[in-house]
Amino acid sequence: MNIVCYGKRVDLNAIAELIADVRADVDASLGVSTSTKLKRIRRFLQDPGVRAVAYLRAQLAATDNGHVVVASTIRRHNLSVHGLDAVEGVIVGKRLIIRHPVGIVLGAGSRIGDDVTILQGVTLGQKRVRLGDDWGCPNGVKLALLS
């Protein structure tokens, strides 16, 4: 089902998928598979890393649906509020955990697998940088492929 917003079609299924992904991210940051609604809300409000991941997912969903201006606005807000900069073209798996989003840069073409934890100051360069599933990226790591 689609609705029209500012002359562009918005896919409601994409919004439902975005909400499910954010819920899975919050549950992963809590460390439990089933958490109460109150715990999710508290974590979302208190943890800047969870909010940064939610903004990242919203940015990627807006880009995928052709809302480039909205995606750019979300990216700039995420950068100014949380310190996370994700360039268009990043692919993010399920249950991403970011503990401290300040100084994280995700370059275009970077792929992040499922169940990945990223700490502050991490830079993933452009072109084919991949983090596999069930992986932790410690503080200050810089990964880039030069071609």
C-alpha atoms as a PDB file:
ATOM      1  CA  MET A   1       0.000   0.000   0.000  1.00  0.00           C
ATOM      2  CA  ASN A   2       1.284   3.466  -0.877  1.00  0.00           C
ATOM      3  CA  ILE A   3       0.432   6.982   0.235  1.00  0.00           C
ATOM      4  CA  VAL A   4       1.556  10.253  -1.332  1.00  0.00           C
ATOM      5  CA  CYS A   5       3.636  12.700   0.717  1.00  0.00           C
ATOM      6  CA  TYR A   6       4.993  15.900  -0.845  1.00  0.00           C
ATOM      7  CA  GLY A   7       4.345  14.517  -4.311  1.00  0.00           C
ATOM      8  CA  LYS A   8       6.282  11.281  -3.707  1.00  0.00           C
ATOM      9  CA  ARG A   9       4.871   7.822  -3.079  1.00  0.00           C
ATOM     10  CA  VAL A  10       5.649   6.363   0.341  1.00  0.00           C
ATOM     11  CA  ASP A  11       5.568   2.582   0.662  1.00  0.00           C
ATOM     12  CA  LEU A  12       3.896   1.640   3.946  1.00  0.00           C
ATOM     13  CA  ASN A  13       5.483  -1.814   3.833  1.00  0.00           C
ATOM     14  CA  ALA A  14       8.906  -0.125   3.875  1.00  0.00           C
ATOM     15  CA  ILE A  15       7.874   1.833   6.975  1.00  0.00           C
ATOM     16  CA  ALA A  16       6.707  -1.352   8.707  1.00  0.00           C
ATOM     17  CA  GLU A  17      10.030  -3.015   7.824  1.00  0.00           C
ATOM     18  CA  LEU A  18      11.929  -0.004   9.199  1.00  0.00           C
ATOM     19  CA  ILE A  19      10.027  -0.225  12.506  1.00  0.00           C
ATOM     20  CA  ALA A  20      10.717  -3.965  12.765  1.00  0.00           C
ATOM     21  CA  ASP A  21      14.441  -3.409  12.115  1.00  0.00           C
ATOM     22  CA  VAL A  22      14.654  -0.669  14.767  1.00  0.00           C
ATOM     23  CA  ARG A  23      12.821  -2.906  17.249  1.00  0.00           C
ATOM     24  CA  ALA A  24      15.345  -5.703  16.572  1.00  0.00           C
ATOM     25  CA  ASP A  25      18.226  -3.225  17.068  1.00  0.00           C
ATOM     26  CA  VAL A  26      16.818  -2.072  20.409  1.00  0.00           C
ATOM     27  CA  ASP A  27      16.304  -5.673  21.564  1.00  0.00           C
ATOM     28  CA  ALA A  28      19.884  -6.517  20.534  1.00  0.00           C
ATOM     29  CA  SER A  29      21.233  -3.563  22.525  1.00  0.00           C
ATOM     30  CA  LEU A  30      19.248  -4.756  25.540  1.00  0.00           C
ATOM     31  CA  GLY A  31      20.765  -8.213  25.142  1.00  0.00           C
ATOM     32  CA  VAL A  32      17.447 -10.041  25.169  1.00  0.00           C
ATOM     33  CA  SER A  33      15.243 -11.457  22.449  1.00  0.00           C
ATOM     34  CA  THR A  34      11.989 -10.374  24.061  1.00  0.00           C
ATOM     35  CA  SER A  35      11.766  -7.135  25.962  1.00  0.00           C
ATOM     36  CA  THR A  36       8.846  -5.143  27.228  1.00  0.00           C
ATOM     37  CA  LYS A  37       7.627  -2.060  25.443  1.00  0.00           C
ATOM     38  CA  LEU A  38       8.685   0.105  28.397  1.00  0.00           C
ATOM     39  CA  LYS A  39      12.267  -1.233  28.283  1.00  0.00           C
ATOM     40  CA  ARG A  40      12.433  -0.544  24.545  1.00  0.00           C
ATOM     41  CA  ILE A  41      11.172   3.006  24.959  1.00  0.00           C
ATOM     42  CA  ARG A  42      13.559   3.685  27.835  1.00  0.00           C
ATOM     43  CA  ARG A  43      16.528   2.348  25.852  1.00  0.00           C
ATOM     44  CA  PHE A  44      15.547   4.372  22.784  1.00  0.00           C
ATOM     45  CA  LEU A  45      15.271   7.589  24.802  1.00  0.00           C
ATOM     46  CA  GLN A  46      18.407   7.101  26.910  1.00  0.00           C
ATOM     47  CA  ASP A  47      20.901   5.508  24.520  1.00  0.00           C
ATOM     48  CA  PRO A  48      22.357   7.748  21.779  1.00  0.00           C
ATOM     49  CA  GLY A  49      23.739   4.702  19.957  1.00  0.00           C
ATOM     50  CA  VAL A  50      20.270   3.197  19.574  1.00  0.00           C
ATOM     51  CA  ARG A  51      18.902   6.513  18.316  1.00  0.00           C
ATOM     52  CA  ALA A  52      21.826   6.865  15.878  1.00  0.00           C
ATOM     53  CA  VAL A  53      21.086   3.411  14.433  1.00  0.00           C
ATOM     54  CA  ALA A  54      17.386   4.315  14.109  1.00  0.00           C
ATOM     55  CA  TYR A  55      18.329   7.488  12.223  1.00  0.00           C
ATOM     56  CA  LEU A  56      20.703   5.465  10.045  1.00  0.00           C
ATOM     57  CA  ARG A  57      17.956   2.991   9.177  1.00  0.00           C
ATOM     58  CA  ALA A  58      15.533   5.848   8.413  1.00  0.00           C
ATOM     59  CA  GLN A  59      18.164   7.449   6.166  1.00  0.00           C
ATOM     60  CA  LEU A  60      18.710   4.204   4.270  1.00  0.00           C
ATOM     61  CA  ALA A  61      14.947   3.606   3.920  1.00  0.00           C
ATOM     62  CA  ALA A  62      14.444   7.132   2.560  1.00  0.00           C
ATOM     63  CA  THR A  63      17.290   6.625   0.078  1.00  0.00           C
ATOM     64  CA  ASP A  64      15.895   3.262  -1.052  1.00  0.00           C
ATOM     65  CA  ASN A  65      12.502   4.856  -1.704  1.00  0.00           C
ATOM     66  CA  GLY A  66      13.914   7.767  -3.708  1.00  0.00           C
ATOM     67  CA  HIS A  67      13.535  10.458  -1.039  1.00  0.00           C
ATOM     68  CA  VAL A  68      17.025  11.896  -1.466  1.00  0.00           C
ATOM     69  CA  VAL A  69      16.336  15.244   0.225  1.00  0.00           C
ATOM     70  CA  VAL A  70      14.777  13.534   3.261  1.00  0.00           C
ATOM     71  CA  ALA A  71      17.715  11.098   3.451  1.00  0.00           C
ATOM     72  CA  SER A  72      20.209  13.966   3.283  1.00  0.00           C
ATOM     73  CA  THR A  73      18.377  15.827   6.047  1.00  0.00           C
ATOM     74  CA  ILE A  74      18.345  12.749   8.286  1.00  0.00           C
ATOM     75  CA  ARG A  75      22.065  12.157   7.603  1.00  0.00           C
ATOM     76  CA  ARG A  76      22.999  15.735   8.567  1.00  0.00           C
ATOM     77  CA  HIS A  77      20.863  15.557  11.714  1.00  0.00           C
ATOM     78  CA  ASN A  78      22.417  12.227  12.734  1.00  0.00           C
ATOM     79  CA  LEU A  79      25.877  13.681  12.197  1.00  0.00           C
ATOM     80  CA  SER A  80      25.220  16.856  14.176  1.00  0.00           C
ATOM     81  CA  VAL A  81      23.332  15.211  17.060  1.00  0.00           C
ATOM     82  CA  HIS A  82      25.022  11.806  17.400  1.00  0.00           C
ATOM     83  CA  GLY A  83      28.299  12.137  15.466  1.00  0.00           C
ATOM     84  CA  LEU A  84      27.587   9.255  13.061  1.00  0.00           C
ATOM     85  CA  ASP A  85      28.108   9.925   9.342  1.00  0.00           C
ATOM     86  CA  ALA A  86      26.839   7.336   6.864  1.00  0.00           C
ATOM     87  CA  VAL A  87      27.280   8.008   3.171  1.00  0.00           C
ATOM     88  CA  GLU A  88      24.623   6.852   0.717  1.00  0.00           C
ATOM     89  CA  GLY A  89      25.272   3.280  -0.386  1.00  0.00           C
ATOM     90  CA  VAL A  90      25.975   1.668   2.988  1.00  0.00           C
ATOM     91  CA  ILE A  91      24.379  -1.750   3.477  1.00  0.00           C
ATOM     92  CA  VAL A  92      23.476  -2.625   7.076  1.00  0.00           C
ATOM     93  CA  GLY A  93      22.435  -6.056   8.365  1.00  0.00           C
ATOM     94  CA  LYS A  94      20.076  -6.924  11.186  1.00  0.00           C
ATOM     95  CA  ARG A  95      20.601  -6.157  14.887  1.00  0.00           C
ATOM     96  CA  LEU A  96      23.327  -3.501  14.567  1.00  0.00           C
ATOM     97  CA  ILE A  97      24.629  -2.208  17.904  1.00  0.00           C
ATOM     98  CA  ILE A  98      26.507   1.082  18.152  1.00  0.00           C
ATOM     99  CA  ARG A  99      27.656   1.817  21.693  1.00  0.00           C
ATOM    100  CA  HIS A 100      29.089   5.338  21.262  1.00  0.00           C
ATOM    101  CA  PRO A 101      28.263   6.854  17.847  1.00  0.00           C
ATOM    102  CA  VAL A 102      30.669   9.812  18.015  1.00  0.00           C
ATOM    103  CA  GLY A 103      33.235   9.786  15.226  1.00  0.00           C
ATOM    104  CA  ILE A 104      31.836   6.823  13.269  1.00  0.00           C
ATOM    105  CA  VAL A 105      32.075   7.165   9.481  1.00  0.00           C
ATOM    106  CA  LEU A 106      30.506   4.586   7.174  1.00  0.00           C
ATOM    107  CA  GLY A 107      31.679   5.042   3.582  1.00  0.00           C
ATOM    108  CA  ALA A 108      29.706   4.277   0.439  1.00  0.00           C
ATOM    109  CA  GLY A 109      29.861   0.622  -0.511  1.00  0.00           C
ATOM    110  CA  SER A 110      30.552  -0.567   3.038  1.00  0.00           C
ATOM    111  CA  ARG A 111      28.645  -3.677   4.111  1.00  0.00           C
ATOM    112  CA  ILE A 112      27.869  -4.441   7.723  1.00  0.00           C
ATOM    113  CA  GLY A 113      26.620  -7.960   8.519  1.00  0.00           C
ATOM    114  CA  ASP A 114      24.139  -9.177  11.100  1.00  0.00           C
ATOM    115  CA  ASP A 115      24.794  -8.909  14.858  1.00  0.00           C
ATOM    116  CA  VAL A 116      27.695  -6.445  14.537  1.00  0.00           C
ATOM    117  CA  THR A 117      28.803  -4.119  17.352  1.00  0.00           C
ATOM    118  CA  ILE A 118      30.650  -0.905  16.467  1.00  0.00           C
ATOM    119  CA  LEU A 119      32.320   1.368  19.022  1.00  0.00           C
ATOM    120  CA  GLN A 120      33.309   5.029  18.720  1.00  0.00           C
ATOM    121  CA  GLY A 121      35.816   6.419  16.248  1.00  0.00           C
ATOM    122  CA  VAL A 122      35.437   3.661  13.639  1.00  0.00           C
ATOM    123  CA  THR A 123      35.858   4.484   9.963  1.00  0.00           C
ATOM    124  CA  LEU A 124      34.803   2.093   7.224  1.00  0.00           C
ATOM    125  CA  GLY A 125      36.211   3.357   3.937  1.00  0.00           C
ATOM    126  CA  GLN A 126      34.643   3.168   0.552  1.00  0.00           C
ATOM    127  CA  LYS A 127      34.621   0.251  -1.884  1.00  0.00           C
ATOM    128  CA  ARG A 128      34.024  -3.286  -0.733  1.00  0.00           C
ATOM    129  CA  VAL A 129      34.747  -2.961   2.995  1.00  0.00           C
ATOM    130  CA  ARG A 130      32.732  -5.686   4.711  1.00  0.00           C
ATOM    131  CA  LEU A 131      32.151  -6.571   8.323  1.00  0.00           C
ATOM    132  CA  GLY A 132      30.890 -10.144   8.643  1.00  0.00           C
ATOM    133  CA  ASP A 133      28.195 -11.465  10.918  1.00  0.00           C
ATOM    134  CA  ASP A 134      28.675 -11.667  14.709  1.00  0.00           C
ATOM    135  CA  TRP A 135      31.610  -9.287  14.731  1.00  0.00           C
ATOM    136  CA  GLY A 136      32.735  -6.535  17.087  1.00  0.00           C
ATOM    137  CA  CYS A 137      34.601  -3.493  15.785  1.00  0.00           C
ATOM    138  CA  PRO A 138      36.732  -1.968  18.600  1.00  0.00           C
ATOM    139  CA  ASN A 139      37.467   1.709  19.221  1.00  0.00           C
ATOM    140  CA  GLY A 140      39.276   3.704  16.555  1.00  0.00           C
ATOM    141  CA  VAL A 141      39.542   1.046  13.846  1.00  0.00           C
ATOM    142  CA  LYS A 142      40.056   2.412  10.324  1.00  0.00           C
ATOM    143  CA  LEU A 143      39.251  -0.006   7.498  1.00  0.00           C
ATOM    144  CA  ALA A 144      39.705   1.073   3.905  1.00  0.00           C
ATOM    145  CA  LEU A 145      40.592  -0.565   0.642  1.00  0.00           C
ATOM    146  CA  LEU A 146      42.723   1.589  -1.605  1.00  0.00           C
ATOM    147  CA  SER A 147      42.508   0.933  -5.293  1.00  0.00           C
END
